[in-house]
Amino acid sequence: QVQLVESGGGLVQPGGSLRLSCAASGSIFSIYDMDWYRQPPGKQRELVATISRGDSTYYADSVKGRFTISRDNAKNTVYLQMNSLKPEDTAVYYCNADVQTEIARMRYWGQGTQVTVSS
């Protein structure tokens, strides 16, 4: 099976920065798109950023110019550099990956990491 493990969340003051990581492990042949989602308190989960295997990226309007998604294909890891953080960025952040294993191609979720932006 495939596991995604996020790390790097925490408490940060407004204007601060955090870097999230998500490492995939297991019987992986290839990873296609890797995404970051977030779920603010009391709200639905929303897409934050996407990166393709060829490094094409997409960002939600709310994070453009502040967040940067990147990946290391050799390590099966995706990153989210978050700068100029705002209180409205407070959420549980989840990574999601489109993974090809020997059995099938499926999307997997990580367990989530809490990001809190507060003074």
N, C-alpha and C. Protein backbone atom coordinates (compact mmCIF):
# COMPACT_ATOMS: atom_id res chain seq x y z
N GLN A 1 0.83 -1.19 0.00
CA GLN A 1 0.00 0.00 0.00
C GLN A 1 0.86 1.24 0.00
N VAL A 2 0.20 2.38 -0.11
CA VAL A 2 0.88 3.67 -0.17
C VAL A 2 0.49 4.49 1.05
N GLN A 3 1.47 5.15 1.63
CA GLN A 3 1.22 6.07 2.75
C GLN A 3 1.77 7.44 2.42
N LEU A 4 1.01 8.47 2.79
CA LEU A 4 1.46 9.85 2.68
C LEU A 4 1.55 10.42 4.09
N VAL A 5 2.70 10.98 4.43
CA VAL A 5 2.90 11.52 5.77
C VAL A 5 3.32 12.98 5.67
N GLU A 6 2.47 13.86 6.23
CA GLU A 6 2.75 15.30 6.23
C GLU A 6 3.52 15.68 7.49
N SER A 7 4.26 16.77 7.39
CA SER A 7 4.96 17.33 8.53
C SER A 7 5.17 18.82 8.28
N GLY A 8 5.51 19.55 9.36
CA GLY A 8 5.87 20.95 9.22
C GLY A 8 4.83 21.94 9.69
N GLY A 9 3.66 21.47 10.10
CA GLY A 9 2.65 22.39 10.59
C GLY A 9 3.02 22.96 11.96
N GLY A 10 2.20 23.90 12.42
CA GLY A 10 2.45 24.49 13.73
C GLY A 10 1.76 25.82 13.89
N LEU A 11 2.16 26.53 14.94
CA LEU A 11 1.62 27.85 15.25
C LEU A 11 2.61 28.91 14.77
N VAL A 12 2.11 29.90 14.05
CA VAL A 12 2.96 30.96 13.53
C VAL A 12 2.20 32.28 13.61
N GLN A 13 2.93 33.36 13.79
CA GLN A 13 2.31 34.68 13.85
C GLN A 13 1.97 35.17 12.44
N PRO A 14 0.99 36.05 12.33
CA PRO A 14 0.68 36.64 11.01
C PRO A 14 1.93 37.27 10.40
N GLY A 15 2.09 37.04 9.10
CA GLY A 15 3.27 37.50 8.40
C GLY A 15 4.41 36.51 8.40
N GLY A 16 4.29 35.46 9.18
CA GLY A 16 5.34 34.47 9.27
C GLY A 16 5.31 33.45 8.14
N SER A 17 6.21 32.46 8.25
CA SER A 17 6.35 31.44 7.21
C SER A 17 6.38 30.05 7.82
N LEU A 18 5.93 29.08 7.04
CA LEU A 18 6.05 27.67 7.38
C LEU A 18 6.32 26.90 6.09
N ARG A 19 6.97 25.76 6.23
CA ARG A 19 7.19 24.87 5.09
C ARG A 19 6.64 23.50 5.43
N LEU A 20 5.64 23.07 4.67
CA LEU A 20 5.06 21.76 4.85
C LEU A 20 5.73 20.76 3.91
N SER A 21 5.85 19.52 4.39
CA SER A 21 6.37 18.43 3.57
C SER A 21 5.39 17.27 3.59
N CYS A 22 5.39 16.51 2.52
CA CYS A 22 4.55 15.31 2.45
C CYS A 22 5.34 14.25 1.69
N ALA A 23 5.68 13.17 2.39
CA ALA A 23 6.46 12.10 1.80
C ALA A 23 5.59 10.88 1.54
N ALA A 24 5.69 10.35 0.33
CA ALA A 24 4.95 9.15 -0.04
C ALA A 24 5.87 7.94 0.05
N SER A 25 5.32 6.84 0.56
CA SER A 25 6.11 5.61 0.66
C SER A 25 5.23 4.41 0.33
N GLY A 26 5.88 3.29 0.00
CA GLY A 26 5.14 2.09 -0.33
C GLY A 26 5.54 1.57 -1.70
N SER A 27 4.67 0.75 -2.27
CA SER A 27 4.95 0.12 -3.57
C SER A 27 4.57 1.06 -4.70
N ILE A 28 5.40 2.07 -4.90
CA ILE A 28 5.10 3.14 -5.85
C ILE A 28 5.87 2.93 -7.15
N PHE A 29 5.14 2.92 -8.27
CA PHE A 29 5.79 2.90 -9.57
C PHE A 29 6.02 4.32 -10.06
N SER A 30 5.00 5.17 -9.90
CA SER A 30 5.10 6.54 -10.36
C SER A 30 4.06 7.38 -9.63
N ILE A 31 4.37 8.67 -9.49
CA ILE A 31 3.43 9.62 -8.90
C ILE A 31 3.16 10.70 -9.93
N TYR A 32 1.90 10.92 -10.22
CA TYR A 32 1.52 11.96 -11.17
C TYR A 32 1.30 13.26 -10.40
N ASP A 33 0.11 13.87 -10.45
CA ASP A 33 -0.12 15.12 -9.73
C ASP A 33 0.01 14.93 -8.22
N MET A 34 0.58 15.94 -7.57
CA MET A 34 0.61 16.00 -6.11
C MET A 34 -0.03 17.33 -5.72
N ASP A 35 -0.91 17.28 -4.73
CA ASP A 35 -1.72 18.44 -4.38
C ASP A 35 -1.65 18.73 -2.89
N TRP A 36 -1.91 19.98 -2.56
CA TRP A 36 -2.17 20.38 -1.18
C TRP A 36 -3.60 20.91 -1.10
N TYR A 37 -4.34 20.40 -0.13
CA TYR A 37 -5.67 20.88 0.20
C TYR A 37 -5.62 21.42 1.62
N ARG A 38 -6.65 22.18 1.98
CA ARG A 38 -6.80 22.60 3.37
C ARG A 38 -8.26 22.65 3.75
N GLN A 39 -8.51 22.47 5.05
CA GLN A 39 -9.87 22.52 5.57
C GLN A 39 -9.88 23.45 6.77
N PRO A 40 -10.37 24.68 6.58
CA PRO A 40 -10.48 25.60 7.71
C PRO A 40 -11.55 25.13 8.68
N PRO A 41 -11.52 25.59 9.92
CA PRO A 41 -12.53 25.17 10.90
C PRO A 41 -13.94 25.47 10.41
N GLY A 42 -14.80 24.47 10.43
CA GLY A 42 -16.19 24.66 10.05
C GLY A 42 -16.46 24.83 8.57
N LYS A 43 -15.44 24.62 7.74
CA LYS A 43 -15.60 24.82 6.31
C LYS A 43 -15.23 23.56 5.54
N GLN A 44 -15.52 23.57 4.25
CA GLN A 44 -15.20 22.42 3.41
C GLN A 44 -13.72 22.42 3.02
N ARG A 45 -13.24 21.25 2.67
CA ARG A 45 -11.87 21.12 2.19
C ARG A 45 -11.75 21.80 0.82
N GLU A 46 -10.65 22.51 0.62
CA GLU A 46 -10.45 23.24 -0.63
C GLU A 46 -9.05 23.00 -1.17
N LEU A 47 -8.94 23.04 -2.50
CA LEU A 47 -7.65 22.87 -3.15
C LEU A 47 -6.82 24.14 -2.99
N VAL A 48 -5.58 23.97 -2.57
CA VAL A 48 -4.66 25.09 -2.39
C VAL A 48 -3.70 25.19 -3.57
N ALA A 49 -3.06 24.07 -3.93
CA ALA A 49 -2.06 24.10 -4.99
C ALA A 49 -1.86 22.70 -5.55
N THR A 50 -1.46 22.65 -6.81
CA THR A 50 -1.21 21.39 -7.50
C THR A 50 0.10 21.48 -8.26
N ILE A 51 0.84 20.37 -8.31
CA ILE A 51 2.04 20.31 -9.14
C ILE A 51 2.05 18.99 -9.90
N SER A 52 2.29 19.09 -11.20
CA SER A 52 2.35 17.89 -12.02
C SER A 52 3.74 17.26 -11.93
N ARG A 53 3.88 16.07 -12.51
CA ARG A 53 5.18 15.42 -12.51
C ARG A 53 6.21 16.23 -13.29
N GLY A 54 5.71 16.99 -14.26
CA GLY A 54 6.58 17.86 -15.04
C GLY A 54 6.73 19.25 -14.48
N ASP A 55 6.27 19.46 -13.24
CA ASP A 55 6.43 20.71 -12.50
C ASP A 55 5.51 21.85 -12.96
N SER A 56 4.45 21.54 -13.70
CA SER A 56 3.43 22.56 -13.93
C SER A 56 2.66 22.77 -12.65
N THR A 57 2.33 24.03 -12.35
CA THR A 57 1.69 24.33 -11.07
C THR A 57 0.39 25.09 -11.25
N TYR A 58 -0.45 24.98 -10.23
CA TYR A 58 -1.70 25.72 -10.12
C TYR A 58 -1.84 26.18 -8.68
N TYR A 59 -2.34 27.39 -8.50
CA TYR A 59 -2.58 27.91 -7.16
C TYR A 59 -3.99 28.49 -7.06
N ALA A 60 -4.60 28.31 -5.92
CA ALA A 60 -5.85 29.01 -5.63
C ALA A 60 -5.55 30.51 -5.55
N ASP A 61 -6.52 31.31 -5.95
CA ASP A 61 -6.32 32.76 -5.96
C ASP A 61 -5.93 33.28 -4.57
N SER A 62 -6.45 32.66 -3.54
CA SER A 62 -6.23 33.14 -2.18
C SER A 62 -4.78 33.00 -1.72
N VAL A 63 -3.98 32.17 -2.41
CA VAL A 63 -2.60 31.94 -1.97
C VAL A 63 -1.57 32.36 -3.02
N LYS A 64 -2.01 32.78 -4.20
CA LYS A 64 -1.08 33.18 -5.25
C LYS A 64 -0.14 34.28 -4.78
N GLY A 65 1.14 34.11 -5.07
CA GLY A 65 2.13 35.09 -4.67
C GLY A 65 2.66 34.91 -3.26
N ARG A 66 2.01 34.04 -2.47
CA ARG A 66 2.45 33.81 -1.09
C ARG A 66 2.93 32.39 -0.86
N PHE A 67 2.30 31.43 -1.53
CA PHE A 67 2.64 30.00 -1.37
C PHE A 67 3.35 29.50 -2.61
N THR A 68 4.28 28.55 -2.40
CA THR A 68 4.98 27.91 -3.51
C THR A 68 4.98 26.41 -3.30
N ILE A 69 4.49 25.68 -4.31
CA ILE A 69 4.50 24.22 -4.26
C ILE A 69 5.69 23.72 -5.08
N SER A 70 6.34 22.68 -4.58
CA SER A 70 7.46 22.08 -5.29
C SER A 70 7.50 20.59 -4.96
N ARG A 71 8.31 19.84 -5.69
CA ARG A 71 8.39 18.41 -5.44
C ARG A 71 9.78 17.90 -5.75
N ASP A 72 10.10 16.78 -5.10
CA ASP A 72 11.36 16.06 -5.34
C ASP A 72 10.95 14.66 -5.75
N ASN A 73 11.00 14.37 -7.03
CA ASN A 73 10.53 13.07 -7.52
C ASN A 73 11.40 11.92 -7.02
N ALA A 74 12.67 12.18 -6.80
CA ALA A 74 13.55 11.12 -6.31
C ALA A 74 13.19 10.70 -4.88
N LYS A 75 12.60 11.63 -4.13
CA LYS A 75 12.21 11.35 -2.74
C LYS A 75 10.71 11.14 -2.60
N ASN A 76 9.96 11.20 -3.71
CA ASN A 76 8.49 11.08 -3.65
C ASN A 76 7.90 12.04 -2.63
N THR A 77 8.36 13.26 -2.65
CA THR A 77 7.97 14.25 -1.65
C THR A 77 7.50 15.53 -2.32
N VAL A 78 6.46 16.12 -1.74
CA VAL A 78 5.95 17.41 -2.18
C VAL A 78 6.05 18.38 -1.02
N TYR A 79 6.32 19.64 -1.35
CA TYR A 79 6.50 20.68 -0.35
C TYR A 79 5.52 21.82 -0.60
N LEU A 80 5.22 22.56 0.46
CA LEU A 80 4.44 23.78 0.33
C LEU A 80 5.11 24.84 1.19
N GLN A 81 5.76 25.80 0.53
CA GLN A 81 6.36 26.93 1.24
C GLN A 81 5.29 27.99 1.37
N MET A 82 4.99 28.37 2.61
CA MET A 82 3.93 29.33 2.88
C MET A 82 4.54 30.57 3.51
N ASN A 83 4.45 31.69 2.82
CA ASN A 83 4.97 32.96 3.31
C ASN A 83 3.84 33.95 3.52
N SER A 84 4.13 35.00 4.25
CA SER A 84 3.14 36.07 4.50
C SER A 84 1.82 35.48 4.98
N LEU A 85 1.90 34.59 5.95
CA LEU A 85 0.71 33.89 6.41
C LEU A 85 -0.28 34.83 7.08
N LYS A 86 -1.57 34.52 6.87
CA LYS A 86 -2.67 35.30 7.40
C LYS A 86 -3.51 34.42 8.32
N PRO A 87 -4.26 35.03 9.24
CA PRO A 87 -5.13 34.22 10.11
C PRO A 87 -6.09 33.34 9.30
N GLU A 88 -6.52 33.80 8.14
CA GLU A 88 -7.44 33.00 7.33
C GLU A 88 -6.78 31.80 6.67
N ASP A 89 -5.47 31.67 6.80
CA ASP A 89 -4.78 30.46 6.33
C ASP A 89 -4.85 29.33 7.36
N THR A 90 -5.38 29.63 8.54
CA THR A 90 -5.52 28.61 9.57
C THR A 90 -6.40 27.46 9.08
N ALA A 91 -5.88 26.25 9.14
CA ALA A 91 -6.60 25.09 8.63
C ALA A 91 -5.78 23.83 8.90
N VAL A 92 -6.43 22.69 8.68
CA VAL A 92 -5.69 21.44 8.58
C VAL A 92 -5.30 21.28 7.11
N TYR A 93 -4.03 21.07 6.87
CA TYR A 93 -3.52 20.95 5.50
C TYR A 93 -3.27 19.47 5.19
N TYR A 94 -3.78 19.05 4.04
CA TYR A 94 -3.66 17.66 3.61
C TYR A 94 -2.94 17.58 2.27
N CYS A 95 -2.11 16.56 2.11
CA CYS A 95 -1.57 16.32 0.77
C CYS A 95 -2.35 15.17 0.13
N ASN A 96 -2.35 15.20 -1.18
CA ASN A 96 -3.06 14.21 -1.99
C ASN A 96 -2.19 13.90 -3.19
N ALA A 97 -2.10 12.61 -3.54
CA ALA A 97 -1.23 12.23 -4.65
C ALA A 97 -1.91 11.20 -5.53
N ASP A 98 -1.68 11.32 -6.82
CA ASP A 98 -2.19 10.40 -7.83
C ASP A 98 -1.06 9.39 -8.10
N VAL A 99 -1.24 8.16 -7.59
CA VAL A 99 -0.13 7.21 -7.52
C VAL A 99 -0.42 5.96 -8.34
N GLN A 100 0.59 5.56 -9.11
CA GLN A 100 0.51 4.29 -9.84
C GLN A 100 1.30 3.24 -9.05
N THR A 101 0.61 2.17 -8.63
CA THR A 101 1.28 1.03 -8.00
C THR A 101 1.21 -0.14 -8.96
N GLU A 102 1.69 -1.29 -8.54
CA GLU A 102 1.65 -2.46 -9.42
C GLU A 102 0.22 -2.95 -9.61
N ILE A 103 -0.67 -2.54 -8.72
CA ILE A 103 -2.05 -3.03 -8.77
C ILE A 103 -2.95 -2.07 -9.52
N ALA A 104 -2.83 -0.78 -9.24
CA ALA A 104 -3.77 0.18 -9.79
C ALA A 104 -3.22 1.58 -9.68
N ARG A 105 -3.94 2.51 -10.32
CA ARG A 105 -3.66 3.94 -10.19
C ARG A 105 -4.76 4.52 -9.32
N MET A 106 -4.38 5.13 -8.18
CA MET A 106 -5.36 5.64 -7.23
C MET A 106 -4.86 6.93 -6.63
N ARG A 107 -5.77 7.69 -6.02
CA ARG A 107 -5.40 8.88 -5.27
C ARG A 107 -5.36 8.53 -3.77
N TYR A 108 -4.36 9.05 -3.10
CA TYR A 108 -4.18 8.80 -1.68
C TYR A 108 -4.13 10.13 -0.93
N TRP A 109 -4.57 10.07 0.34
CA TRP A 109 -4.56 11.25 1.21
C TRP A 109 -3.59 11.02 2.37
N GLY A 110 -2.99 12.11 2.82
CA GLY A 110 -2.26 12.09 4.07
C GLY A 110 -3.21 12.30 5.23
N GLN A 111 -2.65 12.27 6.46
CA GLN A 111 -3.48 12.37 7.66
C GLN A 111 -3.76 13.81 8.05
N GLY A 112 -3.04 14.75 7.46
CA GLY A 112 -3.26 16.17 7.75
C GLY A 112 -2.29 16.71 8.78
N THR A 113 -1.99 18.00 8.65
CA THR A 113 -1.15 18.69 9.63
C THR A 113 -1.78 20.06 9.91
N GLN A 114 -1.85 20.42 11.19
CA GLN A 114 -2.52 21.66 11.59
C GLN A 114 -1.61 22.85 11.40
N VAL A 115 -2.14 23.89 10.76
CA VAL A 115 -1.46 25.17 10.65
C VAL A 115 -2.35 26.22 11.31
N THR A 116 -1.80 26.91 12.30
CA THR A 116 -2.54 27.96 13.01
C THR A 116 -1.78 29.26 12.90
N VAL A 117 -2.45 30.29 12.38
CA VAL A 117 -1.84 31.61 12.23
C VAL A 117 -2.54 32.55 13.20
N SER A 118 -1.81 32.94 14.23
CA SER A 118 -2.42 33.75 15.28
C SER A 118 -1.34 34.50 16.04
N SER A 119 -1.72 35.68 16.51
CA SER A 119 -0.79 36.44 17.34
C SER A 119 -1.04 36.17 18.82
